PDB file of N, CA and C in Angstrom:
ATOM      1  N   UNK A   1     -34.788   4.427 -43.643  1.00  0.00           N
ATOM      2  CA  UNK A   1     -36.061   3.777 -43.389  1.00  0.00           C
ATOM      3  C   UNK A   1     -36.231   3.577 -41.885  1.00  0.00           C
ATOM      4  N   UNK A   2     -37.365   3.952 -41.357  1.00  0.00           N
ATOM      5  CA  UNK A   2     -37.627   3.835 -39.916  1.00  0.00           C
ATOM      6  C   UNK A   2     -37.810   2.373 -39.525  1.00  0.00           C
ATOM      7  N   UNK A   3     -37.543   2.107 -38.269  1.00  0.00           N
ATOM      8  CA  UNK A   3     -37.630   0.762 -37.706  1.00  0.00           C
ATOM      9  C   UNK A   3     -38.396   0.864 -36.397  1.00  0.00           C
ATOM     10  N   UNK A   4     -39.283  -0.091 -36.134  1.00  0.00           N
ATOM     11  CA  UNK A   4     -40.164  -0.016 -34.976  1.00  0.00           C
ATOM     12  C   UNK A   4     -40.116  -1.315 -34.171  1.00  0.00           C
ATOM     13  N   UNK A   5     -40.088  -1.164 -32.840  1.00  0.00           N
ATOM     14  CA  UNK A   5     -40.136  -2.337 -31.967  1.00  0.00           C
ATOM     15  C   UNK A   5     -41.165  -2.130 -30.857  1.00  0.00           C
ATOM     16  N   UNK A   6     -41.547  -3.243 -30.249  1.00  0.00           N
ATOM     17  CA  UNK A   6     -42.443  -3.243 -29.088  1.00  0.00           C
ATOM     18  C   UNK A   6     -41.843  -4.193 -28.072  1.00  0.00           C
ATOM     19  N   UNK A   7     -41.947  -3.834 -26.785  1.00  0.00           N
ATOM     20  CA  UNK A   7     -41.537  -4.762 -25.736  1.00  0.00           C
ATOM     21  C   UNK A   7     -42.360  -4.524 -24.481  1.00  0.00           C
ATOM     22  N   UNK A   8     -42.470  -5.582 -23.703  1.00  0.00           N
ATOM     23  CA  UNK A   8     -43.194  -5.524 -22.429  1.00  0.00           C
ATOM     24  C   UNK A   8     -42.187  -5.272 -21.315  1.00  0.00           C
ATOM     25  N   UNK A   9     -42.579  -4.462 -20.347  1.00  0.00           N
ATOM     26  CA  UNK A   9     -41.738  -4.238 -19.177  1.00  0.00           C
ATOM     27  C   UNK A   9     -41.700  -5.539 -18.377  1.00  0.00           C
ATOM     28  N   UNK A  10     -40.513  -6.080 -18.109  1.00  0.00           N
ATOM     29  CA  UNK A  10     -40.429  -7.328 -17.333  1.00  0.00           C
ATOM     30  C   UNK A  10     -41.008  -7.164 -15.926  1.00  0.00           C
ATOM     31  N   UNK A  11     -41.667  -8.198 -15.441  1.00  0.00           N
ATOM     32  CA  UNK A  11     -42.294  -8.177 -14.119  1.00  0.00           C
ATOM     33  C   UNK A  11     -41.283  -7.960 -12.999  1.00  0.00           C
ATOM     34  N   UNK A  12     -40.066  -8.446 -13.155  1.00  0.00           N
ATOM     35  CA  UNK A  12     -39.080  -8.348 -12.074  1.00  0.00           C
ATOM     36  C   UNK A  12     -38.495  -6.952 -11.909  1.00  0.00           C
ATOM     37  N   UNK A  13     -38.901  -6.001 -12.735  1.00  0.00           N
ATOM     38  CA  UNK A  13     -38.419  -4.620 -12.593  1.00  0.00           C
ATOM     39  C   UNK A  13     -39.166  -3.883 -11.490  1.00  0.00           C
ATOM     40  N   UNK A  14     -40.347  -4.356 -11.148  1.00  0.00           N
ATOM     41  CA  UNK A  14     -41.134  -3.677 -10.118  1.00  0.00           C
ATOM     42  C   UNK A  14     -40.372  -3.634  -8.794  1.00  0.00           C
ATOM     43  N   UNK A  15     -40.398  -2.495  -8.155  1.00  0.00           N
ATOM     44  CA  UNK A  15     -39.683  -2.311  -6.890  1.00  0.00           C
ATOM     45  C   UNK A  15     -40.486  -2.867  -5.722  1.00  0.00           C
ATOM     46  N   UNK A  16     -39.765  -3.243  -4.670  1.00  0.00           N
ATOM     47  CA  UNK A  16     -40.433  -3.678  -3.449  1.00  0.00           C
ATOM     48  C   UNK A  16     -41.060  -2.462  -2.775  1.00  0.00           C
ATOM     49  N   UNK A  17     -42.018  -2.648  -1.855  1.00  0.00           N
ATOM     50  CA  UNK A  17     -42.638  -1.491  -1.191  1.00  0.00           C
ATOM     51  C   UNK A  17     -41.618  -0.591  -0.507  1.00  0.00           C
ATOM     52  N   UNK A  18     -40.625  -1.183   0.169  1.00  0.00           N
ATOM     53  CA  UNK A  18     -39.626  -0.373   0.849  1.00  0.00           C
ATOM     54  C   UNK A  18     -38.784   0.400  -0.159  1.00  0.00           C
ATOM     55  N   UNK A  19     -38.271  -0.295  -1.173  1.00  0.00           N
ATOM     56  CA  UNK A  19     -37.473   0.364  -2.197  1.00  0.00           C
ATOM     57  C   UNK A  19     -38.313   1.393  -2.934  1.00  0.00           C
ATOM     58  N   UNK A  20     -39.568   1.055  -3.220  1.00  0.00           N
ATOM     59  CA  UNK A  20     -40.450   1.979  -3.916  1.00  0.00           C
ATOM     60  C   UNK A  20     -40.665   3.264  -3.132  1.00  0.00           C
ATOM     61  N   UNK A  21     -40.836   3.171  -1.813  1.00  0.00           N
ATOM     62  CA  UNK A  21     -41.033   4.361  -0.982  1.00  0.00           C
ATOM     63  C   UNK A  21     -39.791   5.238  -0.970  1.00  0.00           C
ATOM     64  N   UNK A  22     -38.627   4.614  -0.829  1.00  0.00           N
ATOM     65  CA  UNK A  22     -37.384   5.375  -0.844  1.00  0.00           C
ATOM     66  C   UNK A  22     -37.159   6.022  -2.207  1.00  0.00           C
ATOM     67  N   UNK A  23     -37.474   5.278  -3.242  1.00  0.00           N
ATOM     68  CA  UNK A  23     -37.317   5.805  -4.588  1.00  0.00           C
ATOM     69  C   UNK A  23     -38.244   7.000  -4.819  1.00  0.00           C
ATOM     70  N   UNK A  24     -39.490   6.899  -4.373  1.00  0.00           N
ATOM     71  CA  UNK A  24     -40.438   8.008  -4.529  1.00  0.00           C
ATOM     72  C   UNK A  24     -39.953   9.248  -3.786  1.00  0.00           C
ATOM     73  N   UNK A  25     -39.418   9.065  -2.591  1.00  0.00           N
ATOM     74  CA  UNK A  25     -38.900  10.179  -1.811  1.00  0.00           C
ATOM     75  C   UNK A  25     -37.732  10.842  -2.534  1.00  0.00           C
ATOM     76  N   UNK A  26     -36.814  10.025  -3.040  1.00  0.00           N
ATOM     77  CA  UNK A  26     -35.645  10.534  -3.751  1.00  0.00           C
ATOM     78  C   UNK A  26     -36.063  11.272  -5.020  1.00  0.00           C
ATOM     79  N   UNK A  27     -36.969  10.678  -5.800  1.00  0.00           N
ATOM     80  CA  UNK A  27     -37.444  11.315  -7.030  1.00  0.00           C
ATOM     81  C   UNK A  27     -38.157  12.623  -6.709  1.00  0.00           C
ATOM     82  N   UNK A  28     -38.963  12.643  -5.651  1.00  0.00           N
ATOM     83  CA  UNK A  28     -39.638  13.871  -5.242  1.00  0.00           C
ATOM     84  C   UNK A  28     -38.655  14.981  -4.924  1.00  0.00           C
ATOM     85  N   UNK A  29     -37.572  14.628  -4.231  1.00  0.00           N
ATOM     86  CA  UNK A  29     -36.530  15.604  -3.912  1.00  0.00           C
ATOM     87  C   UNK A  29     -35.869  16.118  -5.191  1.00  0.00           C
ATOM     88  N   UNK A  30     -35.547  15.204  -6.113  1.00  0.00           N
ATOM     89  CA  UNK A  30     -34.897  15.620  -7.361  1.00  0.00           C
ATOM     90  C   UNK A  30     -35.780  16.555  -8.184  1.00  0.00           C
ATOM     91  N   UNK A  31     -37.084  16.329  -8.156  1.00  0.00           N
ATOM     92  CA  UNK A  31     -37.998  17.167  -8.930  1.00  0.00           C
ATOM     93  C   UNK A  31     -38.005  18.608  -8.438  1.00  0.00           C
ATOM     94  N   UNK A  32     -37.661  18.794  -7.191  1.00  0.00           N
ATOM     95  CA  UNK A  32     -37.608  20.146  -6.628  1.00  0.00           C
ATOM     96  C   UNK A  32     -36.428  20.915  -7.212  1.00  0.00           C
ATOM     97  N   UNK A  33     -35.293  20.230  -7.408  1.00  0.00           N
ATOM     98  CA  UNK A  33     -34.087  20.932  -7.843  1.00  0.00           C
ATOM     99  C   UNK A  33     -33.771  20.775  -9.331  1.00  0.00           C
ATOM    100  N   UNK A  34     -34.377  19.778  -9.985  1.00  0.00           N
ATOM    101  CA  UNK A  34     -34.140  19.560 -11.412  1.00  0.00           C
ATOM    102  C   UNK A  34     -35.475  19.644 -12.150  1.00  0.00           C
ATOM    103  N   UNK A  35     -35.549  20.428 -13.216  1.00  0.00           N
ATOM    104  CA  UNK A  35     -36.802  20.503 -13.970  1.00  0.00           C
ATOM    105  C   UNK A  35     -37.204  19.131 -14.517  1.00  0.00           C
ATOM    106  N   UNK A  36     -38.485  18.869 -14.545  1.00  0.00           N
ATOM    107  CA  UNK A  36     -38.978  17.604 -15.045  1.00  0.00           C
ATOM    108  C   UNK A  36     -38.808  17.518 -16.559  1.00  0.00           C
ATOM    109  N   UNK A  37     -38.371  16.346 -17.027  1.00  0.00           N
ATOM    110  CA  UNK A  37     -38.197  16.129 -18.456  1.00  0.00           C
ATOM    111  C   UNK A  37     -39.521  15.808 -19.134  1.00  0.00           C
ATOM    112  N   UNK A  38     -40.454  15.247 -18.371  1.00  0.00           N
ATOM    113  CA  UNK A  38     -41.742  14.835 -18.927  1.00  0.00           C
ATOM    114  C   UNK A  38     -42.882  15.261 -18.002  1.00  0.00           C
ATOM    115  N   UNK A  39     -43.108  16.564 -17.879  1.00  0.00           N
ATOM    116  CA  UNK A  39     -44.076  17.045 -16.890  1.00  0.00           C
ATOM    117  C   UNK A  39     -45.505  16.537 -17.086  1.00  0.00           C
ATOM    118  N   UNK A  40     -45.903  16.274 -18.324  1.00  0.00           N
ATOM    119  CA  UNK A  40     -47.265  15.795 -18.552  1.00  0.00           C
ATOM    120  C   UNK A  40     -47.427  14.303 -18.272  1.00  0.00           C
ATOM    121  N   UNK A  41     -46.326  13.569 -18.273  1.00  0.00           N
ATOM    122  CA  UNK A  41     -46.408  12.116 -18.223  1.00  0.00           C
ATOM    123  C   UNK A  41     -45.693  11.448 -17.051  1.00  0.00           C
ATOM    124  N   UNK A  42     -44.964  12.179 -16.256  1.00  0.00           N
ATOM    125  CA  UNK A  42     -44.194  11.548 -15.175  1.00  0.00           C
ATOM    126  C   UNK A  42     -45.044  10.645 -14.284  1.00  0.00           C
ATOM    127  N   UNK A  43     -46.256  11.038 -13.988  1.00  0.00           N
ATOM    128  CA  UNK A  43     -47.112  10.224 -13.112  1.00  0.00           C
ATOM    129  C   UNK A  43     -47.730   9.039 -13.844  1.00  0.00           C
ATOM    130  N   UNK A  44     -47.732   9.071 -15.166  1.00  0.00           N
ATOM    131  CA  UNK A  44     -48.324   7.987 -15.947  1.00  0.00           C
ATOM    132  C   UNK A  44     -47.312   6.898 -16.298  1.00  0.00           C
ATOM    133  N   UNK A  45     -46.024   7.209 -16.285  1.00  0.00           N
ATOM    134  CA  UNK A  45     -45.003   6.244 -16.711  1.00  0.00           C
ATOM    135  C   UNK A  45     -45.055   4.975 -15.868  1.00  0.00           C
ATOM    136  N   UNK A  46     -45.423   5.082 -14.603  1.00  0.00           N
ATOM    137  CA  UNK A  46     -45.498   3.894 -13.746  1.00  0.00           C
ATOM    138  C   UNK A  46     -46.570   2.900 -14.217  1.00  0.00           C
ATOM    139  N   UNK A  47     -47.521   3.359 -15.022  1.00  0.00           N
ATOM    140  CA  UNK A  47     -48.590   2.491 -15.523  1.00  0.00           C
ATOM    141  C   UNK A  47     -48.283   1.896 -16.903  1.00  0.00           C
ATOM    142  N   UNK A  48     -47.151   2.256 -17.479  1.00  0.00           N
ATOM    143  CA  UNK A  48     -46.774   1.717 -18.779  1.00  0.00           C
ATOM    144  C   UNK A  48     -46.368   0.258 -18.619  1.00  0.00           C
ATOM    145  N   UNK A  49     -46.968  -0.607 -19.435  1.00  0.00           N
ATOM    146  CA  UNK A  49     -46.639  -2.039 -19.432  1.00  0.00           C
ATOM    147  C   UNK A  49     -45.941  -2.452 -20.713  1.00  0.00           C
ATOM    148  N   UNK A  50     -46.154  -1.672 -21.792  1.00  0.00           N
ATOM    149  CA  UNK A  50     -45.532  -1.959 -23.083  1.00  0.00           C
ATOM    150  C   UNK A  50     -44.983  -0.658 -23.656  1.00  0.00           C
ATOM    151  N   UNK A  51     -43.860  -0.753 -24.323  1.00  0.00           N
ATOM    152  CA  UNK A  51     -43.279   0.405 -25.003  1.00  0.00           C
ATOM    153  C   UNK A  51     -43.194   0.128 -26.492  1.00  0.00           C
ATOM    154  N   UNK A  52     -43.533   1.125 -27.284  1.00  0.00           N
ATOM    155  CA  UNK A  52     -43.332   1.118 -28.733  1.00  0.00           C
ATOM    156  C   UNK A  52     -42.261   2.170 -29.013  1.00  0.00           C
ATOM    157  N   UNK A  53     -41.231   1.769 -29.747  1.00  0.00           N
ATOM    158  CA  UNK A  53     -40.122   2.685 -29.993  1.00  0.00           C
ATOM    159  C   UNK A  53     -39.891   2.801 -31.499  1.00  0.00           C
ATOM    160  N   UNK A  54     -39.713   4.043 -31.972  1.00  0.00           N
ATOM    161  CA  UNK A  54     -39.381   4.308 -33.375  1.00  0.00           C
ATOM    162  C   UNK A  54     -37.916   4.716 -33.459  1.00  0.00           C
ATOM    163  N   UNK A  55     -37.196   4.129 -34.409  1.00  0.00           N
ATOM    164  CA  UNK A  55     -35.800   4.456 -34.680  1.00  0.00           C
ATOM    165  C   UNK A  55     -35.702   4.988 -36.105  1.00  0.00           C
ATOM    166  N   UNK A  56     -34.720   5.881 -36.341  1.00  0.00           N
ATOM    167  CA  UNK A  56     -34.504   6.368 -37.710  1.00  0.00           C
ATOM    168  C   UNK A  56     -34.205   5.224 -38.657  1.00  0.00           C
ATOM    169  N   UNK A  57     -33.383   4.302 -38.193  1.00  0.00           N
ATOM    170  CA  UNK A  57     -33.055   3.104 -38.953  1.00  0.00           C
ATOM    171  C   UNK A  57     -32.661   2.012 -37.957  1.00  0.00           C
ATOM    172  N   UNK A  58     -32.317   0.845 -38.441  1.00  0.00           N
ATOM    173  CA  UNK A  58     -32.088  -0.300 -37.560  1.00  0.00           C
ATOM    174  C   UNK A  58     -30.903  -0.115 -36.609  1.00  0.00           C
ATOM    175  N   UNK A  59     -30.012   0.816 -36.884  1.00  0.00           N
ATOM    176  CA  UNK A  59     -28.824   0.991 -36.046  1.00  0.00           C
ATOM    177  C   UNK A  59     -28.812   2.290 -35.248  1.00  0.00           C
ATOM    178  N   UNK A  60     -29.930   2.979 -35.183  1.00  0.00           N
ATOM    179  CA  UNK A  60     -29.919   4.310 -34.580  1.00  0.00           C
ATOM    180  C   UNK A  60     -30.512   4.357 -33.176  1.00  0.00           C
ATOM    181  N   UNK A  61     -30.542   5.552 -32.655  1.00  0.00           N
ATOM    182  CA  UNK A  61     -31.151   5.838 -31.359  1.00  0.00           C
ATOM    183  C   UNK A  61     -32.655   6.015 -31.519  1.00  0.00           C
ATOM    184  N   UNK A  62     -33.409   5.873 -30.436  1.00  0.00           N
ATOM    185  CA  UNK A  62     -34.856   6.114 -30.511  1.00  0.00           C
ATOM    186  C   UNK A  62     -35.156   7.566 -30.861  1.00  0.00           C
ATOM    187  N   UNK A  63     -36.209   7.771 -31.659  1.00  0.00           N
ATOM    188  CA  UNK A  63     -36.628   9.133 -31.990  1.00  0.00           C
ATOM    189  C   UNK A  63     -38.012   9.455 -31.436  1.00  0.00           C
ATOM    190  N   UNK A  64     -38.875   8.428 -31.322  1.00  0.00           N
ATOM    191  CA  UNK A  64     -40.193   8.614 -30.707  1.00  0.00           C
ATOM    192  C   UNK A  64     -40.535   7.352 -29.924  1.00  0.00           C
ATOM    193  N   UNK A  65     -41.387   7.538 -28.917  1.00  0.00           N
ATOM    194  CA  UNK A  65     -41.791   6.408 -28.081  1.00  0.00           C
ATOM    195  C   UNK A  65     -43.219   6.574 -27.625  1.00  0.00           C
ATOM    196  N   UNK A  66     -43.861   5.436 -27.404  1.00  0.00           N
ATOM    197  CA  UNK A  66     -45.235   5.422 -26.923  1.00  0.00           C
ATOM    198  C   UNK A  66     -45.316   4.407 -25.799  1.00  0.00           C
ATOM    199  N   UNK A  67     -45.933   4.793 -24.697  1.00  0.00           N
ATOM    200  CA  UNK A  67     -46.176   3.867 -23.602  1.00  0.00           C
ATOM    201  C   UNK A  67     -47.618   3.418 -23.614  1.00  0.00           C
ATOM    202  N   UNK A  68     -47.820   2.103 -23.522  1.00  0.00           N
ATOM    203  CA  UNK A  68     -49.164   1.526 -23.501  1.00  0.00           C
ATOM    204  C   UNK A  68     -49.451   0.959 -22.126  1.00  0.00           C
ATOM    205  N   UNK A  69     -50.704   1.040 -21.702  1.00  0.00           N
ATOM    206  CA  UNK A  69     -51.083   0.443 -20.424  1.00  0.00           C
ATOM    207  C   UNK A  69     -51.347  -1.055 -20.604  1.00  0.00           C
ATOM    208  N   UNK A  70     -51.836  -1.706 -19.560  1.00  0.00           N
ATOM    209  CA  UNK A  70     -52.066  -3.153 -19.612  1.00  0.00           C
ATOM    210  C   UNK A  70     -53.130  -3.551 -20.629  1.00  0.00           C
ATOM    211  N   UNK A  71     -53.973  -2.605 -21.043  1.00  0.00           N
ATOM    212  CA  UNK A  71     -54.997  -2.867 -22.062  1.00  0.00           C
ATOM    213  C   UNK A  71     -54.554  -2.446 -23.461  1.00  0.00           C
ATOM    214  N   UNK A  72     -53.263  -2.140 -23.596  1.00  0.00           N
ATOM    215  CA  UNK A  72     -52.658  -1.731 -24.868  1.00  0.00           C
ATOM    216  C   UNK A  72     -53.191  -0.393 -25.372  1.00  0.00           C
ATOM    217  N   UNK A  73     -53.631   0.459 -24.445  1.00  0.00           N
ATOM    218  CA  UNK A  73     -54.076   1.808 -24.795  1.00  0.00           C
ATOM    219  C   UNK A  73     -52.912   2.777 -24.608  1.00  0.00           C
ATOM    220  N   UNK A  74     -52.749   3.701 -25.529  1.00  0.00           N
ATOM    221  CA  UNK A  74     -51.678   4.699 -25.432  1.00  0.00           C
ATOM    222  C   UNK A  74     -51.936   5.620 -24.251  1.00  0.00           C
ATOM    223  N   UNK A  75     -50.925   5.771 -23.386  1.00  0.00           N
ATOM    224  CA  UNK A  75     -51.069   6.685 -22.246  1.00  0.00           C
ATOM    225  C   UNK A  75     -49.969   7.745 -22.214  1.00  0.00           C
ATOM    226  N   UNK A  76     -48.859   7.521 -22.924  1.00  0.00           N
ATOM    227  CA  UNK A  76     -47.808   8.532 -23.042  1.00  0.00           C
ATOM    228  C   UNK A  76     -47.214   8.461 -24.447  1.00  0.00           C
ATOM    229  N   UNK A  77     -46.791   9.616 -24.955  1.00  0.00           N
ATOM    230  CA  UNK A  77     -46.045   9.655 -26.213  1.00  0.00           C
ATOM    231  C   UNK A  77     -45.022  10.774 -26.108  1.00  0.00           C
ATOM    232  N   UNK A  78     -43.835  10.465 -26.573  1.00  0.00           N
ATOM    233  CA  UNK A  78     -42.750  11.427 -26.424  1.00  0.00           C
ATOM    234  C   UNK A  78     -41.736  11.264 -27.560  1.00  0.00           C
ATOM    235  N   UNK A  79     -40.990  12.285 -27.898  1.00  0.00           N
ATOM    236  CA  UNK A  79     -41.164  13.657 -27.431  1.00  0.00           C
ATOM    237  C   UNK A  79     -42.456  14.252 -27.971  1.00  0.00           C
ATOM    238  N   UNK A  80     -43.092  15.024 -27.124  1.00  0.00           N
ATOM    239  CA  UNK A  80     -44.368  15.638 -27.464  1.00  0.00           C
ATOM    240  C   UNK A  80     -44.589  16.824 -26.535  1.00  0.00           C
ATOM    241  N   UNK A  81     -44.833  17.967 -27.135  1.00  0.00           N
ATOM    242  CA  UNK A  81     -45.025  19.214 -26.393  1.00  0.00           C
ATOM    243  C   UNK A  81     -43.849  19.441 -25.437  1.00  0.00           C
ATOM    244  N   UNK A  82     -44.094  19.519 -24.122  1.00  0.00           N
ATOM    245  CA  UNK A  82     -43.036  19.805 -23.148  1.00  0.00           C
ATOM    246  C   UNK A  82     -42.288  18.554 -22.687  1.00  0.00           C
ATOM    247  N   UNK A  83     -42.574  17.413 -23.258  1.00  0.00           N
ATOM    248  CA  UNK A  83     -42.044  16.135 -22.786  1.00  0.00           C
ATOM    249  C   UNK A  83     -40.927  15.637 -23.697  1.00  0.00           C
ATOM    250  N   UNK A  84     -39.743  15.499 -23.107  1.00  0.00           N
ATOM    251  CA  UNK A  84     -38.569  15.108 -23.880  1.00  0.00           C
ATOM    252  C   UNK A  84     -38.554  13.627 -24.226  1.00  0.00           C
ATOM    253  N   UNK A  85     -38.983  12.807 -23.308  1.00  0.00           N
ATOM    254  CA  UNK A  85     -38.969  11.376 -23.553  1.00  0.00           C
ATOM    255  C   UNK A  85     -38.294  10.613 -22.443  1.00  0.00           C
ATOM    256  N   UNK A  86     -38.645   9.359 -22.359  1.00  0.00           N
ATOM    257  CA  UNK A  86     -38.083   8.441 -21.369  1.00  0.00           C
ATOM    258  C   UNK A  86     -36.923   7.682 -22.006  1.00  0.00           C
ATOM    259  N   UNK A  87     -37.178   7.040 -23.143  1.00  0.00           N
ATOM    260  CA  UNK A  87     -36.140   6.296 -23.852  1.00  0.00           C
ATOM    261  C   UNK A  87     -35.378   7.171 -24.833  1.00  0.00           C
ATOM    262  N   UNK A  88     -36.027   8.182 -25.388  1.00  0.00           N
ATOM    263  CA  UNK A  88     -35.352   9.042 -26.361  1.00  0.00           C
ATOM    264  C   UNK A  88     -34.355   9.990 -25.694  1.00  0.00           C
ATOM    265  N   UNK A  89     -34.404  10.061 -24.384  1.00  0.00           N
ATOM    266  CA  UNK A  89     -33.524  10.970 -23.645  1.00  0.00           C
ATOM    267  C   UNK A  89     -32.333  10.215 -23.036  1.00  0.00           C
ATOM    268  N   UNK A  90     -31.844   9.190 -23.753  1.00  0.00           N
ATOM    269  CA  UNK A  90     -30.669   8.447 -23.280  1.00  0.00           C
ATOM    270  C   UNK A  90     -29.831   8.012 -24.471  1.00  0.00           C
ATOM    271  N   UNK A  91     -28.811   7.248 -24.225  1.00  0.00           N
ATOM    272  CA  UNK A  91     -27.867   6.855 -25.277  1.00  0.00           C
ATOM    273  C   UNK A  91     -28.018   5.398 -25.712  1.00  0.00           C
ATOM    274  N   UNK A  92     -29.187   4.810 -25.530  1.00  0.00           N
ATOM    275  CA  UNK A  92     -29.394   3.420 -25.924  1.00  0.00           C
ATOM    276  C   UNK A  92     -29.702   3.312 -27.415  1.00  0.00           C
ATOM    277  N   UNK A  93     -29.094   2.321 -28.049  1.00  0.00           N
ATOM    278  CA  UNK A  93     -29.380   2.016 -29.448  1.00  0.00           C
ATOM    279  C   UNK A  93     -30.273   0.792 -29.507  1.00  0.00           C
ATOM    280  N   UNK A  94     -30.731   0.474 -30.696  1.00  0.00           N
ATOM    281  CA  UNK A  94     -31.661  -0.637 -30.844  1.00  0.00           C
ATOM    282  C   UNK A  94     -31.078  -1.952 -30.330  1.00  0.00           C
ATOM    283  N   UNK A  95     -29.806  -2.178 -30.537  1.00  0.00           N
ATOM    284  CA  UNK A  95     -29.175  -3.416 -30.050  1.00  0.00           C
ATOM    285  C   UNK A  95     -29.233  -3.509 -28.523  1.00  0.00           C
ATOM    286  N   UNK A  96     -29.152  -2.380 -27.844  1.00  0.00           N
ATOM    287  CA  UNK A  96     -29.264  -2.367 -26.384  1.00  0.00           C
ATOM    288  C   UNK A  96     -30.653  -2.819 -25.948  1.00  0.00           C
ATOM    289  N   UNK A  97     -31.676  -2.376 -26.682  1.00  0.00           N
ATOM    290  CA  UNK A  97     -33.048  -2.799 -26.372  1.00  0.00           C
ATOM    291  C   UNK A  97     -33.210  -4.295 -26.610  1.00  0.00           C
ATOM    292  N   UNK A  98     -32.655  -4.777 -27.721  1.00  0.00           N
ATOM    293  CA  UNK A  98     -32.777  -6.198 -28.051  1.00  0.00           C
ATOM    294  C   UNK A  98     -32.068  -7.081 -27.022  1.00  0.00           C
ATOM    295  N   UNK A  99     -30.963  -6.610 -26.467  1.00  0.00           N
ATOM    296  CA  UNK A  99     -30.232  -7.371 -25.451  1.00  0.00           C
ATOM    297  C   UNK A  99     -30.947  -7.353 -24.102  1.00  0.00           C
ATOM    298  N   UNK A 100     -31.621  -6.266 -23.800  1.00  0.00           N
ATOM    299  CA  UNK A 100     -32.217  -6.077 -22.475  1.00  0.00           C
ATOM    300  C   UNK A 100     -33.671  -6.511 -22.365  1.00  0.00           C
ATOM    301  N   UNK A 101     -34.393  -6.525 -23.473  1.00  0.00           N
ATOM    302  CA  UNK A 101     -35.823  -6.811 -23.454  1.00  0.00           C
ATOM    303  C   UNK A 101     -36.175  -7.829 -24.535  1.00  0.00           C
ATOM    304  N   UNK A 102     -37.318  -8.441 -24.379  1.00  0.00           N
ATOM    305  CA  UNK A 102     -37.836  -9.353 -25.389  1.00  0.00           C
ATOM    306  C   UNK A 102     -38.611  -8.513 -26.404  1.00  0.00           C
ATOM    307  N   UNK A 103     -37.924  -8.049 -27.437  1.00  0.00           N
ATOM    308  CA  UNK A 103     -38.515  -7.124 -28.402  1.00  0.00           C
ATOM    309  C   UNK A 103     -39.161  -7.871 -29.567  1.00  0.00           C
ATOM    310  N   UNK A 104     -40.121  -7.209 -30.168  1.00  0.00           N
ATOM    311  CA  UNK A 104     -40.704  -7.711 -31.412  1.00  0.00           C
ATOM    312  C   UNK A 104     -40.816  -6.542 -32.369  1.00  0.00           C
ATOM    313  N   UNK A 105     -40.622  -6.815 -33.633  1.00  0.00           N
ATOM    314  CA  UNK A 105     -40.751  -5.770 -34.638  1.00  0.00           C
ATOM    315  C   UNK A 105     -42.236  -5.507 -34.890  1.00  0.00           C
ATOM    316  N   UNK A 106     -42.584  -4.241 -35.033  1.00  0.00           N
ATOM    317  CA  UNK A 106     -43.960  -3.852 -35.363  1.00  0.00           C
ATOM    318  C   UNK A 106     -43.912  -2.995 -36.621  1.00  0.00           C
ATOM    319  N   UNK A 107     -45.068  -2.799 -37.239  1.00  0.00           N
ATOM    320  CA  UNK A 107     -45.067  -1.989 -38.461  1.00  0.00           C
ATOM    321  C   UNK A 107     -45.395  -0.530 -38.155  1.00  0.00           C
ATOM    322  N   UNK A 108     -45.086   0.287 -39.115  1.00  0.00           N
ATOM    323  CA  UNK A 108     -45.260   1.733 -38.985  1.00  0.00           C
ATOM    324  C   UNK A 108     -46.721   2.099 -38.730  1.00  0.00           C
ATOM    325  N   UNK A 109     -47.645   1.446 -39.430  1.00  0.00           N
ATOM    326  CA  UNK A 109     -49.072   1.773 -39.291  1.00  0.00           C
ATOM    327  C   UNK A 109     -49.555   1.591 -37.854  1.00  0.00           C
ATOM    328  N   UNK A 110     -49.127   0.506 -37.206  1.00  0.00           N
ATOM    329  CA  UNK A 110     -49.513   0.260 -35.810  1.00  0.00           C
ATOM    330  C   UNK A 110     -48.956   1.368 -34.915  1.00  0.00           C
ATOM    331  N   UNK A 111     -47.688   1.728 -35.135  1.00  0.00           N
ATOM    332  CA  UNK A 111     -47.064   2.788 -34.340  1.00  0.00           C
ATOM    333  C   UNK A 111     -47.823   4.100 -34.504  1.00  0.00           C
ATOM    334  N   UNK A 112     -48.106   4.478 -35.742  1.00  0.00           N
ATOM    335  CA  UNK A 112     -48.804   5.744 -36.011  1.00  0.00           C
ATOM    336  C   UNK A 112     -50.208   5.723 -35.413  1.00  0.00           C
ATOM    337  N   UNK A 113     -50.895   4.604 -35.513  1.00  0.00           N
ATOM    338  CA  UNK A 113     -52.236   4.490 -34.925  1.00  0.00           C
ATOM    339  C   UNK A 113     -52.179   4.755 -33.418  1.00  0.00           C
ATOM    340  N   UNK A 114     -51.211   4.152 -32.736  1.00  0.00           N
ATOM    341  CA  UNK A 114     -51.081   4.341 -31.283  1.00  0.00           C
ATOM    342  C   UNK A 114     -50.624   5.770 -30.963  1.00  0.00           C
ATOM    343  N   UNK A 115     -49.755   6.324 -31.769  1.00  0.00           N
ATOM    344  CA  UNK A 115     -49.286   7.716 -31.584  1.00  0.00           C
ATOM    345  C   UNK A 115     -50.470   8.683 -31.656  1.00  0.00           C
ATOM    346  N   UNK A 116     -51.351   8.469 -32.591  1.00  0.00           N
ATOM    347  CA  UNK A 116     -52.482   9.372 -32.800  1.00  0.00           C
ATOM    348  C   UNK A 116     -53.596   9.210 -31.776  1.00  0.00           C
ATOM    349  N   UNK A 117     -53.516   8.211 -30.910  1.00  0.00           N
ATOM    350  CA  UNK A 117     -54.524   8.045 -29.856  1.00  0.00           C
ATOM    351  C   UNK A 117     -54.409   9.138 -28.801  1.00  0.00           C
ATOM    352  N   UNK A 118     -53.269   9.790 -28.729  1.00  0.00           N
ATOM    353  CA  UNK A 118     -53.075  10.889 -27.764  1.00  0.00           C
ATOM    354  C   UNK A 118     -52.959  12.187 -28.545  1.00  0.00           C
ATOM    355  N   UNK A 119     -53.781  13.159 -28.158  1.00  0.00           N
ATOM    356  CA  UNK A 119     -53.724  14.457 -28.858  1.00  0.00           C
ATOM    357  C   UNK A 119     -53.313  15.564 -27.905  1.00  0.00           C
TER     358      UNK A 119
END
């Protein structure tokens, strides 16, 4: 049975202007030598304020994810087409999300509705 969560990106994760500039430079350099994992969405991920994550079951890894903007509109969904994913492309389990973020359980219908907002 699938399991779904939602969480808001904490405000303190935002980088300072100096750190942000250095980070952008470093990421730009990496994109030259490493293929992008999410070519359609890399520029949109910075605008994600909420994440919806689908797991196969309560103890598994993420299988699908949706990024919502500040107005709760879907702006990224992964994996989708050429995009591997932001959270689905790592080794975090649901317990890791619960420890790191203020998560809330959501239902499947809400997840599917947001998933279908992007075609």
